């Protein structure tokens, strides 16, 4: 699409940051992300506190529980359930999106 000199072009893309506490993500989902190449084995362990046995492609549940407890202790305290519910909601941005007249194009 042609863009004229001086025009402002804004292209927004989704980020991979997610929301909520990564230590509350279901270990089976983290394993799926590792298997699909979205998360490395090192990141599964360091960021999500999930111990994956790469030889068997399984989650070591006991080791995961211990590691998550250690990671929570290292950063202070475990988040409360009320905070998790609030933090797990996607952020809202007023004045943007299809409700404001943007047109979606089929892919």
PDB file of N, CA and C in Angstrom:
ATOM      1  N   UNK A   1       0.848  -1.161   0.000  1.00  0.00           N
ATOM      2  CA  UNK A   1       0.000   0.000   0.000  1.00  0.00           C
ATOM      3  C   UNK A   1       0.901   1.235   0.000  1.00  0.00           C
ATOM      4  N   UNK A   2       0.650   2.153  -0.863  1.00  0.00           N
ATOM      5  CA  UNK A   2       1.479   3.370  -0.911  1.00  0.00           C
ATOM      6  C   UNK A   2       1.263   4.232   0.334  1.00  0.00           C
ATOM      7  N   UNK A   3       2.342   4.794   0.832  1.00  0.00           N
ATOM      8  CA  UNK A   3       2.273   5.693   1.981  1.00  0.00           C
ATOM      9  C   UNK A   3       2.925   7.007   1.563  1.00  0.00           C
ATOM     10  N   UNK A   4       2.220   8.085   1.770  1.00  0.00           N
ATOM     11  CA  UNK A   4       2.737   9.396   1.375  1.00  0.00           C
ATOM     12  C   UNK A   4       3.774   9.904   2.370  1.00  0.00           C
ATOM     13  N   UNK A   5       4.701  10.674   1.851  1.00  0.00           N
ATOM     14  CA  UNK A   5       5.718  11.290   2.701  1.00  0.00           C
ATOM     15  C   UNK A   5       5.028  12.136   3.766  1.00  0.00           C
ATOM     16  N   UNK A   6       5.492  11.970   5.000  1.00  0.00           N
ATOM     17  CA  UNK A   6       4.923  12.720   6.110  1.00  0.00           C
ATOM     18  C   UNK A   6       3.770  12.006   6.801  1.00  0.00           C
ATOM     19  N   UNK A   7       3.245  10.960   6.171  1.00  0.00           N
ATOM     20  CA  UNK A   7       2.151  10.213   6.783  1.00  0.00           C
ATOM     21  C   UNK A   7       2.701   9.358   7.928  1.00  0.00           C
ATOM     22  N   UNK A   8       1.846   9.039   8.839  1.00  0.00           N
ATOM     23  CA  UNK A   8       2.233   8.179   9.959  1.00  0.00           C
ATOM     24  C   UNK A   8       1.658   6.797   9.707  1.00  0.00           C
ATOM     25  N   UNK A   9       2.545   5.813   9.733  1.00  0.00           N
ATOM     26  CA  UNK A   9       2.131   4.423   9.569  1.00  0.00           C
ATOM     27  C   UNK A   9       2.346   3.724  10.904  1.00  0.00           C
ATOM     28  N   UNK A  10       1.296   3.142  11.436  1.00  0.00           N
ATOM     29  CA  UNK A  10       1.393   2.436  12.708  1.00  0.00           C
ATOM     30  C   UNK A  10       1.009   0.990  12.477  1.00  0.00           C
ATOM     31  N   UNK A  11       1.918   0.082  12.797  1.00  0.00           N
ATOM     32  CA  UNK A  11       1.686  -1.348  12.604  1.00  0.00           C
ATOM     33  C   UNK A  11       1.858  -2.029  13.950  1.00  0.00           C
ATOM     34  N   UNK A  12       0.766  -2.530  14.515  1.00  0.00           N
ATOM     35  CA  UNK A  12       0.819  -3.166  15.824  1.00  0.00           C
ATOM     36  C   UNK A  12       0.798  -4.674  15.663  1.00  0.00           C
ATOM     37  N   UNK A  13       1.662  -5.329  16.413  1.00  0.00           N
ATOM     38  CA  UNK A  13       1.736  -6.786  16.401  1.00  0.00           C
ATOM     39  C   UNK A  13       1.602  -7.301  17.825  1.00  0.00           C
ATOM     40  N   UNK A  14       1.082  -8.506  17.980  1.00  0.00           N
ATOM     41  CA  UNK A  14       1.006  -9.054  19.332  1.00  0.00           C
ATOM     42  C   UNK A  14       2.401  -9.384  19.847  1.00  0.00           C
ATOM     43  N   UNK A  15       2.562  -9.269  21.136  1.00  0.00           N
ATOM     44  CA  UNK A  15       3.831  -9.620  21.757  1.00  0.00           C
ATOM     45  C   UNK A  15       3.752 -11.002  22.372  1.00  0.00           C
ATOM     46  N   UNK A  16       4.887 -11.530  22.746  1.00  0.00           N
ATOM     47  CA  UNK A  16       4.927 -12.856  23.342  1.00  0.00           C
ATOM     48  C   UNK A  16       4.993 -12.827  24.851  1.00  0.00           C
ATOM     49  N   UNK A  17       4.751 -11.666  25.454  1.00  0.00           N
ATOM     50  CA  UNK A  17       4.919 -11.540  26.897  1.00  0.00           C
ATOM     51  C   UNK A  17       3.880 -12.257  27.719  1.00  0.00           C
ATOM     52  N   UNK A  18       2.681 -12.371  27.206  1.00  0.00           N
ATOM     53  CA  UNK A  18       1.632 -13.017  27.983  1.00  0.00           C
ATOM     54  C   UNK A  18       1.236 -12.190  29.188  1.00  0.00           C
ATOM     55  N   UNK A  19       0.467 -12.799  30.100  1.00  0.00           N
ATOM     56  CA  UNK A  19       0.095 -12.118  31.326  1.00  0.00           C
ATOM     57  C   UNK A  19      -0.047 -13.159  32.419  1.00  0.00           C
ATOM     58  N   UNK A  20      -0.023 -12.679  33.636  1.00  0.00           N
ATOM     59  CA  UNK A  20      -0.123 -13.586  34.769  1.00  0.00           C
ATOM     60  C   UNK A  20       1.231 -14.137  35.178  1.00  0.00           C
ATOM     61  N   UNK A  21       1.218 -14.872  36.256  1.00  0.00           N
ATOM     62  CA  UNK A  21       2.426 -15.448  36.825  1.00  0.00           C
ATOM     63  C   UNK A  21       2.823 -16.695  36.039  1.00  0.00           C
ATOM     64  N   UNK A  22       4.015 -16.732  35.432  1.00  0.00           N
ATOM     65  CA  UNK A  22       4.420 -17.914  34.664  1.00  0.00           C
ATOM     66  C   UNK A  22       4.529 -19.176  35.517  1.00  0.00           C
ATOM     67  N   UNK A  23       4.690 -19.025  36.827  1.00  0.00           N
ATOM     68  CA  UNK A  23       4.784 -20.192  37.698  1.00  0.00           C
ATOM     69  C   UNK A  23       3.428 -20.855  37.927  1.00  0.00           C
ATOM     70  N   UNK A  24       2.358 -20.245  37.441  1.00  0.00           N
ATOM     71  CA  UNK A  24       1.026 -20.852  37.580  1.00  0.00           C
ATOM     72  C   UNK A  24       0.564 -21.516  36.283  1.00  0.00           C
ATOM     73  N   UNK A  25       1.353 -21.392  35.232  1.00  0.00           N
ATOM     74  CA  UNK A  25       0.973 -22.041  33.967  1.00  0.00           C
ATOM     75  C   UNK A  25       1.021 -23.554  34.142  1.00  0.00           C
ATOM     76  N   UNK A  26       0.025 -24.226  33.613  1.00  0.00           N
ATOM     77  CA  UNK A  26      -0.054 -25.680  33.745  1.00  0.00           C
ATOM     78  C   UNK A  26       1.195 -26.310  33.130  1.00  0.00           C
ATOM     79  N   UNK A  27       1.875 -27.174  33.892  1.00  0.00           N
ATOM     80  CA  UNK A  27       3.093 -27.805  33.381  1.00  0.00           C
ATOM     81  C   UNK A  27       2.878 -28.535  32.051  1.00  0.00           C
ATOM     82  N   UNK A  28       1.725 -29.153  31.855  1.00  0.00           N
ATOM     83  CA  UNK A  28       1.460 -29.853  30.588  1.00  0.00           C
ATOM     84  C   UNK A  28       1.465 -28.883  29.414  1.00  0.00           C
ATOM     85  N   UNK A  29       0.992 -27.674  29.641  1.00  0.00           N
ATOM     86  CA  UNK A  29       0.997 -26.660  28.572  1.00  0.00           C
ATOM     87  C   UNK A  29       2.416 -26.178  28.284  1.00  0.00           C
ATOM     88  N   UNK A  30       3.223 -26.049  29.334  1.00  0.00           N
ATOM     89  CA  UNK A  30       4.623 -25.668  29.136  1.00  0.00           C
ATOM     90  C   UNK A  30       5.335 -26.769  28.347  1.00  0.00           C
ATOM     91  N   UNK A  31       5.069 -28.017  28.682  1.00  0.00           N
ATOM     92  CA  UNK A  31       5.658 -29.138  27.945  1.00  0.00           C
ATOM     93  C   UNK A  31       5.261 -29.074  26.472  1.00  0.00           C
ATOM     94  N   UNK A  32       4.004 -28.791  26.217  1.00  0.00           N
ATOM     95  CA  UNK A  32       3.543 -28.665  24.826  1.00  0.00           C
ATOM     96  C   UNK A  32       4.292 -27.539  24.117  1.00  0.00           C
ATOM     97  N   UNK A  33       4.504 -26.426  24.808  1.00  0.00           N
ATOM     98  CA  UNK A  33       5.229 -25.307  24.207  1.00  0.00           C
ATOM     99  C   UNK A  33       6.683 -25.679  23.915  1.00  0.00           C
ATOM    100  N   UNK A  34       7.293 -26.460  24.797  1.00  0.00           N
ATOM    101  CA  UNK A  34       8.668 -26.923  24.567  1.00  0.00           C
ATOM    102  C   UNK A  34       8.698 -27.824  23.339  1.00  0.00           C
ATOM    103  N   UNK A  35       7.786 -28.767  23.279  1.00  0.00           N
ATOM    104  CA  UNK A  35       7.749 -29.706  22.150  1.00  0.00           C
ATOM    105  C   UNK A  35       7.500 -29.001  20.826  1.00  0.00           C
ATOM    106  N   UNK A  36       6.738 -27.908  20.860  1.00  0.00           N
ATOM    107  CA  UNK A  36       6.448 -27.154  19.639  1.00  0.00           C
ATOM    108  C   UNK A  36       7.503 -26.104  19.313  1.00  0.00           C
ATOM    109  N   UNK A  37       8.532 -25.999  20.148  1.00  0.00           N
ATOM    110  CA  UNK A  37       9.620 -25.068  19.871  1.00  0.00           C
ATOM    111  C   UNK A  37       9.347 -23.630  20.267  1.00  0.00           C
ATOM    112  N   UNK A  38       8.278 -23.385  21.037  1.00  0.00           N
ATOM    113  CA  UNK A  38       7.967 -22.017  21.472  1.00  0.00           C
ATOM    114  C   UNK A  38       8.782 -21.621  22.699  1.00  0.00           C
ATOM    115  N   UNK A  39       9.170 -22.611  23.502  1.00  0.00           N
ATOM    116  CA  UNK A  39       9.908 -22.383  24.739  1.00  0.00           C
ATOM    117  C   UNK A  39      11.051 -23.394  24.774  1.00  0.00           C
ATOM    118  N   UNK A  40      12.230 -22.955  25.176  1.00  0.00           N
ATOM    119  CA  UNK A  40      13.365 -23.878  25.285  1.00  0.00           C
ATOM    120  C   UNK A  40      13.268 -24.665  26.592  1.00  0.00           C
ATOM    121  N   UNK A  41      14.022 -25.748  26.673  1.00  0.00           N
ATOM    122  CA  UNK A  41      14.082 -26.509  27.921  1.00  0.00           C
ATOM    123  C   UNK A  41      14.595 -25.623  29.059  1.00  0.00           C
ATOM    124  N   UNK A  42      15.595 -24.799  28.759  1.00  0.00           N
ATOM    125  CA  UNK A  42      16.155 -23.907  29.782  1.00  0.00           C
ATOM    126  C   UNK A  42      15.125 -22.893  30.259  1.00  0.00           C
ATOM    127  N   UNK A  43      14.338 -22.342  29.339  1.00  0.00           N
ATOM    128  CA  UNK A  43      13.313 -21.373  29.707  1.00  0.00           C
ATOM    129  C   UNK A  43      12.170 -22.029  30.472  1.00  0.00           C
ATOM    130  N   UNK A  44      11.816 -23.254  30.096  1.00  0.00           N
ATOM    131  CA  UNK A  44      10.768 -23.983  30.832  1.00  0.00           C
ATOM    132  C   UNK A  44      11.161 -24.086  32.296  1.00  0.00           C
ATOM    133  N   UNK A  45      12.433 -24.368  32.529  1.00  0.00           N
ATOM    134  CA  UNK A  45      12.927 -24.534  33.898  1.00  0.00           C
ATOM    135  C   UNK A  45      13.066 -23.180  34.606  1.00  0.00           C
ATOM    136  N   UNK A  46      13.751 -22.225  33.979  1.00  0.00           N
ATOM    137  CA  UNK A  46      14.066 -20.947  34.632  1.00  0.00           C
ATOM    138  C   UNK A  46      12.867 -20.010  34.729  1.00  0.00           C
ATOM    139  N   UNK A  47      12.052 -19.943  33.691  1.00  0.00           N
ATOM    140  CA  UNK A  47      10.956 -18.975  33.655  1.00  0.00           C
ATOM    141  C   UNK A  47       9.632 -19.539  34.165  1.00  0.00           C
ATOM    142  N   UNK A  48       9.373 -20.812  33.871  1.00  0.00           N
ATOM    143  CA  UNK A  48       8.092 -21.417  34.238  1.00  0.00           C
ATOM    144  C   UNK A  48       8.217 -22.381  35.406  1.00  0.00           C
ATOM    145  N   UNK A  49       9.440 -22.713  35.803  1.00  0.00           N
ATOM    146  CA  UNK A  49       9.634 -23.624  36.912  1.00  0.00           C
ATOM    147  C   UNK A  49       9.170 -25.034  36.609  1.00  0.00           C
ATOM    148  N   UNK A  50       9.265 -25.436  35.348  1.00  0.00           N
ATOM    149  CA  UNK A  50       8.819 -26.771  34.938  1.00  0.00           C
ATOM    150  C   UNK A  50      10.039 -27.607  34.560  1.00  0.00           C
ATOM    151  N   UNK A  51      10.149 -28.768  35.186  1.00  0.00           N
ATOM    152  CA  UNK A  51      11.260 -29.677  34.916  1.00  0.00           C
ATOM    153  C   UNK A  51      10.784 -30.705  33.898  1.00  0.00           C
ATOM    154  N   UNK A  52      11.370 -30.662  32.708  1.00  0.00           N
ATOM    155  CA  UNK A  52      10.982 -31.544  31.612  1.00  0.00           C
ATOM    156  C   UNK A  52      12.051 -32.612  31.421  1.00  0.00           C
ATOM    157  N   UNK A  53      11.612 -33.857  31.347  1.00  0.00           N
ATOM    158  CA  UNK A  53      12.496 -34.961  30.996  1.00  0.00           C
ATOM    159  C   UNK A  53      12.465 -35.056  29.476  1.00  0.00           C
ATOM    160  N   UNK A  54      13.504 -34.527  28.817  1.00  0.00           N
ATOM    161  CA  UNK A  54      13.516 -34.450  27.353  1.00  0.00           C
ATOM    162  C   UNK A  54      13.634 -35.818  26.699  1.00  0.00           C
ATOM    163  N   UNK A  55      14.175 -36.794  27.399  1.00  0.00           N
ATOM    164  CA  UNK A  55      14.298 -38.132  26.819  1.00  0.00           C
ATOM    165  C   UNK A  55      12.927 -38.798  26.682  1.00  0.00           C
ATOM    166  N   UNK A  56      12.069 -38.579  27.676  1.00  0.00           N
ATOM    167  CA  UNK A  56      10.731 -39.196  27.657  1.00  0.00           C
ATOM    168  C   UNK A  56       9.633 -38.205  27.289  1.00  0.00           C
ATOM    169  N   UNK A  57       9.966 -36.912  27.160  1.00  0.00           N
ATOM    170  CA  UNK A  57       8.998 -35.851  26.899  1.00  0.00           C
ATOM    171  C   UNK A  57       7.856 -35.887  27.900  1.00  0.00           C
ATOM    172  N   UNK A  58       8.258 -35.863  29.182  1.00  0.00           N
ATOM    173  CA  UNK A  58       7.288 -35.816  30.267  1.00  0.00           C
ATOM    174  C   UNK A  58       7.709 -34.743  31.256  1.00  0.00           C
ATOM    175  N   UNK A  59       6.778 -34.361  32.112  1.00  0.00           N
ATOM    176  CA  UNK A  59       7.051 -33.401  33.173  1.00  0.00           C
ATOM    177  C   UNK A  59       7.325 -34.184  34.449  1.00  0.00           C
ATOM    178  N   UNK A  60       8.403 -33.846  35.123  1.00  0.00           N
ATOM    179  CA  UNK A  60       8.690 -34.428  36.434  1.00  0.00           C
ATOM    180  C   UNK A  60       7.902 -33.592  37.442  1.00  0.00           C
ATOM    181  N   UNK A  61       6.733 -34.090  37.847  1.00  0.00           N
ATOM    182  CA  UNK A  61       5.812 -33.326  38.689  1.00  0.00           C
ATOM    183  C   UNK A  61       6.418 -32.978  40.045  1.00  0.00           C
ATOM    184  N   UNK A  62       7.075 -33.913  40.682  1.00  0.00           N
ATOM    185  CA  UNK A  62       7.652 -33.651  42.007  1.00  0.00           C
ATOM    186  C   UNK A  62       8.772 -32.618  41.918  1.00  0.00           C
ATOM    187  N   UNK A  63       9.641 -32.767  40.927  1.00  0.00           N
ATOM    188  CA  UNK A  63      10.736 -31.806  40.762  1.00  0.00           C
ATOM    189  C   UNK A  63      10.200 -30.426  40.382  1.00  0.00           C
ATOM    190  N   UNK A  64       9.136 -30.396  39.585  1.00  0.00           N
ATOM    191  CA  UNK A  64       8.509 -29.123  39.200  1.00  0.00           C
ATOM    192  C   UNK A  64       7.943 -28.421  40.421  1.00  0.00           C
ATOM    193  N   UNK A  65       7.262 -29.164  41.279  1.00  0.00           N
ATOM    194  CA  UNK A  65       6.691 -28.572  42.488  1.00  0.00           C
ATOM    195  C   UNK A  65       7.787 -27.986  43.377  1.00  0.00           C
ATOM    196  N   UNK A  66       8.878 -28.745  43.549  1.00  0.00           N
ATOM    197  CA  UNK A  66       9.996 -28.266  44.373  1.00  0.00           C
ATOM    198  C   UNK A  66      10.630 -27.018  43.764  1.00  0.00           C
ATOM    199  N   UNK A  67      10.866 -27.044  42.449  1.00  0.00           N
ATOM    200  CA  UNK A  67      11.507 -25.904  41.786  1.00  0.00           C
ATOM    201  C   UNK A  67      10.630 -24.665  41.865  1.00  0.00           C
ATOM    202  N   UNK A  68       9.333 -24.830  41.650  1.00  0.00           N
ATOM    203  CA  UNK A  68       8.431 -23.671  41.733  1.00  0.00           C
ATOM    204  C   UNK A  68       8.419 -23.080  43.138  1.00  0.00           C
ATOM    205  N   UNK A  69       8.454 -23.925  44.144  1.00  0.00           N
ATOM    206  CA  UNK A  69       8.501 -23.425  45.525  1.00  0.00           C
ATOM    207  C   UNK A  69       9.795 -22.642  45.753  1.00  0.00           C
ATOM    208  N   UNK A  70      10.909 -23.142  45.236  1.00  0.00           N
ATOM    209  CA  UNK A  70      12.193 -22.447  45.373  1.00  0.00           C
ATOM    210  C   UNK A  70      12.160 -21.096  44.651  1.00  0.00           C
ATOM    211  N   UNK A  71      11.617 -21.070  43.434  1.00  0.00           N
ATOM    212  CA  UNK A  71      11.560 -19.824  42.665  1.00  0.00           C
ATOM    213  C   UNK A  71      10.661 -18.796  43.343  1.00  0.00           C
ATOM    214  N   UNK A  72       9.534 -19.243  43.880  1.00  0.00           N
ATOM    215  CA  UNK A  72       8.645 -18.311  44.598  1.00  0.00           C
ATOM    216  C   UNK A  72       9.342 -17.758  45.837  1.00  0.00           C
ATOM    217  N   UNK A  73      10.027 -18.623  46.571  1.00  0.00           N
ATOM    218  CA  UNK A  73      10.730 -18.187  47.776  1.00  0.00           C
ATOM    219  C   UNK A  73      11.831 -17.187  47.424  1.00  0.00           C
ATOM    220  N   UNK A  74      12.499 -17.418  46.318  1.00  0.00           N
ATOM    221  CA  UNK A  74      13.590 -16.529  45.908  1.00  0.00           C
ATOM    222  C   UNK A  74      13.097 -15.145  45.525  1.00  0.00           C
ATOM    223  N   UNK A  75      11.884 -15.049  45.030  1.00  0.00           N
ATOM    224  CA  UNK A  75      11.391 -13.724  44.620  1.00  0.00           C
ATOM    225  C   UNK A  75      10.495 -13.077  45.664  1.00  0.00           C
ATOM    226  N   UNK A  76      10.323 -13.687  46.801  1.00  0.00           N
ATOM    227  CA  UNK A  76       9.531 -13.062  47.860  1.00  0.00           C
ATOM    228  C   UNK A  76       8.479 -13.999  48.395  1.00  0.00           C
ATOM    229  N   UNK A  77       7.284 -13.876  47.856  1.00  0.00           N
ATOM    230  CA  UNK A  77       6.173 -14.682  48.355  1.00  0.00           C
ATOM    231  C   UNK A  77       5.351 -15.200  47.194  1.00  0.00           C
ATOM    232  N   UNK A  78       4.626 -16.246  47.442  1.00  0.00           N
ATOM    233  CA  UNK A  78       3.737 -16.797  46.415  1.00  0.00           C
ATOM    234  C   UNK A  78       2.584 -15.840  46.191  1.00  0.00           C
ATOM    235  N   UNK A  79       2.154 -15.636  44.935  1.00  0.00           N
ATOM    236  CA  UNK A  79       1.024 -14.753  44.678  1.00  0.00           C
ATOM    237  C   UNK A  79      -0.258 -15.339  45.240  1.00  0.00           C
ATOM    238  N   UNK A  80      -1.155 -14.460  45.632  1.00  0.00           N
ATOM    239  CA  UNK A  80      -2.435 -14.928  46.166  1.00  0.00           C
ATOM    240  C   UNK A  80      -3.376 -15.270  45.023  1.00  0.00           C
ATOM    241  N   UNK A  81      -4.378 -16.072  45.312  1.00  0.00           N
ATOM    242  CA  UNK A  81      -5.355 -16.471  44.287  1.00  0.00           C
ATOM    243  C   UNK A  81      -6.090 -15.254  43.731  1.00  0.00           C
ATOM    244  N   UNK A  82      -6.438 -14.295  44.599  1.00  0.00           N
ATOM    245  CA  UNK A  82      -7.158 -13.108  44.131  1.00  0.00           C
ATOM    246  C   UNK A  82      -6.312 -12.330  43.126  1.00  0.00           C
ATOM    247  N   UNK A  83      -5.007 -12.215  43.401  1.00  0.00           N
ATOM    248  CA  UNK A  83      -4.138 -11.497  42.477  1.00  0.00           C
ATOM    249  C   UNK A  83      -4.021 -12.245  41.158  1.00  0.00           C
ATOM    250  N   UNK A  84      -3.956 -13.578  41.213  1.00  0.00           N
ATOM    251  CA  UNK A  84      -3.863 -14.360  39.986  1.00  0.00           C
ATOM    252  C   UNK A  84      -5.073 -14.131  39.109  1.00  0.00           C
ATOM    253  N   UNK A  85      -6.256 -14.112  39.701  1.00  0.00           N
ATOM    254  CA  UNK A  85      -7.461 -13.903  38.908  1.00  0.00           C
ATOM    255  C   UNK A  85      -7.438 -12.533  38.249  1.00  0.00           C
ATOM    256  N   UNK A  86      -6.992 -11.529  38.962  1.00  0.00           N
ATOM    257  CA  UNK A  86      -6.940 -10.182  38.397  1.00  0.00           C
ATOM    258  C   UNK A  86      -5.868 -10.098  37.313  1.00  0.00           C
ATOM    259  N   UNK A  87      -4.686 -10.685  37.567  1.00  0.00           N
ATOM    260  CA  UNK A  87      -3.581 -10.582  36.627  1.00  0.00           C
ATOM    261  C   UNK A  87      -3.773 -11.432  35.379  1.00  0.00           C
ATOM    262  N   UNK A  88      -4.627 -12.464  35.452  1.00  0.00           N
ATOM    263  CA  UNK A  88      -4.810 -13.332  34.304  1.00  0.00           C
ATOM    264  C   UNK A  88      -5.736 -12.743  33.247  1.00  0.00           C
ATOM    265  N   UNK A  89      -6.378 -11.627  33.543  1.00  0.00           N
ATOM    266  CA  UNK A  89      -7.249 -10.995  32.555  1.00  0.00           C
ATOM    267  C   UNK A  89      -6.404 -10.199  31.569  1.00  0.00           C
ATOM    268  N   UNK A  90      -6.724 -10.261  30.272  1.00  0.00           N
ATOM    269  CA  UNK A  90      -5.946  -9.482  29.313  1.00  0.00           C
ATOM    270  C   UNK A  90      -6.163  -7.990  29.531  1.00  0.00           C
ATOM    271  N   UNK A  91      -5.144  -7.184  29.258  1.00  0.00           N
ATOM    272  CA  UNK A  91      -5.293  -5.742  29.454  1.00  0.00           C
ATOM    273  C   UNK A  91      -6.282  -5.150  28.465  1.00  0.00           C
ATOM    274  N   UNK A  92      -7.000  -4.149  28.905  1.00  0.00           N
ATOM    275  CA  UNK A  92      -7.950  -3.464  28.028  1.00  0.00           C
ATOM    276  C   UNK A  92      -7.339  -2.142  27.597  1.00  0.00           C
ATOM    277  N   UNK A  93      -7.541  -1.803  26.339  1.00  0.00           N
ATOM    278  CA  UNK A  93      -7.026  -0.531  25.828  1.00  0.00           C
ATOM    279  C   UNK A  93      -8.192   0.221  25.213  1.00  0.00           C
ATOM    280  N   UNK A  94      -8.574   1.307  25.829  1.00  0.00           N
ATOM    281  CA  UNK A  94      -9.723   2.076  25.369  1.00  0.00           C
ATOM    282  C   UNK A  94      -9.428   2.740  24.034  1.00  0.00           C
ATOM    283  N   UNK A  95     -10.455   2.848  23.220  1.00  0.00           N
ATOM    284  CA  UNK A  95     -10.339   3.589  21.974  1.00  0.00           C
ATOM    285  C   UNK A  95      -9.614   2.865  20.866  1.00  0.00           C
ATOM    286  N   UNK A  96      -9.509   1.544  20.925  1.00  0.00           N
ATOM    287  CA  UNK A  96      -8.771   0.819  19.904  1.00  0.00           C
ATOM    288  C   UNK A  96      -9.546  -0.427  19.497  1.00  0.00           C
ATOM    289  N   UNK A  97      -9.192  -0.964  18.368  1.00  0.00           N
ATOM    290  CA  UNK A  97      -9.747  -2.244  17.948  1.00  0.00           C
ATOM    291  C   UNK A  97     -10.951  -2.111  17.046  1.00  0.00           C
ATOM    292  N   UNK A  98     -11.588  -3.215  16.777  1.00  0.00           N
ATOM    293  CA  UNK A  98     -12.699  -3.250  15.838  1.00  0.00           C
ATOM    294  C   UNK A  98     -13.884  -2.429  16.307  1.00  0.00           C
ATOM    295  N   UNK A  99     -14.066  -2.289  17.609  1.00  0.00           N
ATOM    296  CA  UNK A  99     -15.193  -1.516  18.111  1.00  0.00           C
ATOM    297  C   UNK A  99     -15.094  -0.055  17.709  1.00  0.00           C
ATOM    298  N   UNK A 100     -13.922   0.409  17.367  1.00  0.00           N
ATOM    299  CA  UNK A 100     -13.733   1.806  16.996  1.00  0.00           C
ATOM    300  C   UNK A 100     -13.734   2.017  15.482  1.00  0.00           C
ATOM    301  N   UNK A 101     -14.169   1.012  14.729  1.00  0.00           N
ATOM    302  CA  UNK A 101     -14.317   1.202  13.295  1.00  0.00           C
ATOM    303  C   UNK A 101     -13.216   0.591  12.457  1.00  0.00           C
ATOM    304  N   UNK A 102     -12.249  -0.060  13.058  1.00  0.00           N
ATOM    305  CA  UNK A 102     -11.206  -0.713  12.263  1.00  0.00           C
ATOM    306  C   UNK A 102     -11.828  -1.865  11.491  1.00  0.00           C
ATOM    307  N   UNK A 103     -11.287  -2.146  10.319  1.00  0.00           N
ATOM    308  CA  UNK A 103     -11.830  -3.237   9.504  1.00  0.00           C
ATOM    309  C   UNK A 103     -10.878  -4.411   9.529  1.00  0.00           C
ATOM    310  N   UNK A 104     -11.437  -5.573   9.781  1.00  0.00           N
ATOM    311  CA  UNK A 104     -10.629  -6.803   9.751  1.00  0.00           C
ATOM    312  C   UNK A 104     -10.630  -7.351   8.340  1.00  0.00           C
ATOM    313  N   UNK A 105      -9.472  -7.786   7.865  1.00  0.00           N
ATOM    314  CA  UNK A 105      -9.373  -8.395   6.553  1.00  0.00           C
ATOM    315  C   UNK A 105      -9.147  -9.883   6.702  1.00  0.00           C
ATOM    316  N   UNK A 106      -9.786 -10.696   5.883  1.00  0.00           N
ATOM    317  CA  UNK A 106      -9.528 -12.125   5.972  1.00  0.00           C
ATOM    318  C   UNK A 106      -8.110 -12.444   5.528  1.00  0.00           C
ATOM    319  N   UNK A 107      -7.542 -13.463   6.130  1.00  0.00           N
ATOM    320  CA  UNK A 107      -6.172 -13.860   5.778  1.00  0.00           C
ATOM    321  C   UNK A 107      -6.189 -14.847   4.638  1.00  0.00           C
TER     322      UNK A 107
END
